[in-house]
Amino acid sequence: MERKLLVSDLHLGYEGLFDIADFFKLIDDWFRQNGYDKNEIKHIERATEKGKYIDIEIMPIKEVSTYARFEVKLRIIIKNLIETKVKKNKQEFKINKGELSVNIDVFLATDVKNRMESKPWQFFTRTLFNKYVNKDYISRMEKEVMNDVKNLHSELKAYLNLERYKEQA
């Protein structure tokens, strides 16, 4: 299998009020609706003096054919997460406050079944095949996964820039 890194460390940072459960639901729903299978790599949570620390790494995978797949690696770090009360439309409810950091890496994996790597001549043939014969297909796949990532990044950014809450004193 050959993995080509298309995007490295696309960053999204936010500090303030947000609903952590809604944020993770948004991510899960987006990947499910776009045909990705969730794959959790790491999940660490611990309490600190300033609040909760959460470090999650997931790599959802979308099989686009028997030859290629998209891999989107998300690393979400949340620091100083606390629960606070806010007022919205004269109603009071609990919400989270903290520092959120999301980093996205994107890969295009080809020859996912390793059919063309068992012998050196097969590896050489695959390289020529990808470079000359499969060039348009690979290019189309790269554009498709890049559109997915731009869409995901925009969705996350839009969610975090929604109407601000007013924190209770």
Foldseek 3Di string as FASTA:
>chain_A
DDKDWDDWWPKDKDFWWDAPVVLVVLVVVLCVVVAWDKAWDDWDWDADPLGIWIWTWIWTKHDPDLFKIKTKIKIKIWPSKDKFWFADPNDIDITIGTIIMITIIIIMGGRVVVPQPPDPVSVVVVVVCCVPVCVVVVVVVSVVVVVSVVVVVVVSVPNSPPDHTGTDD
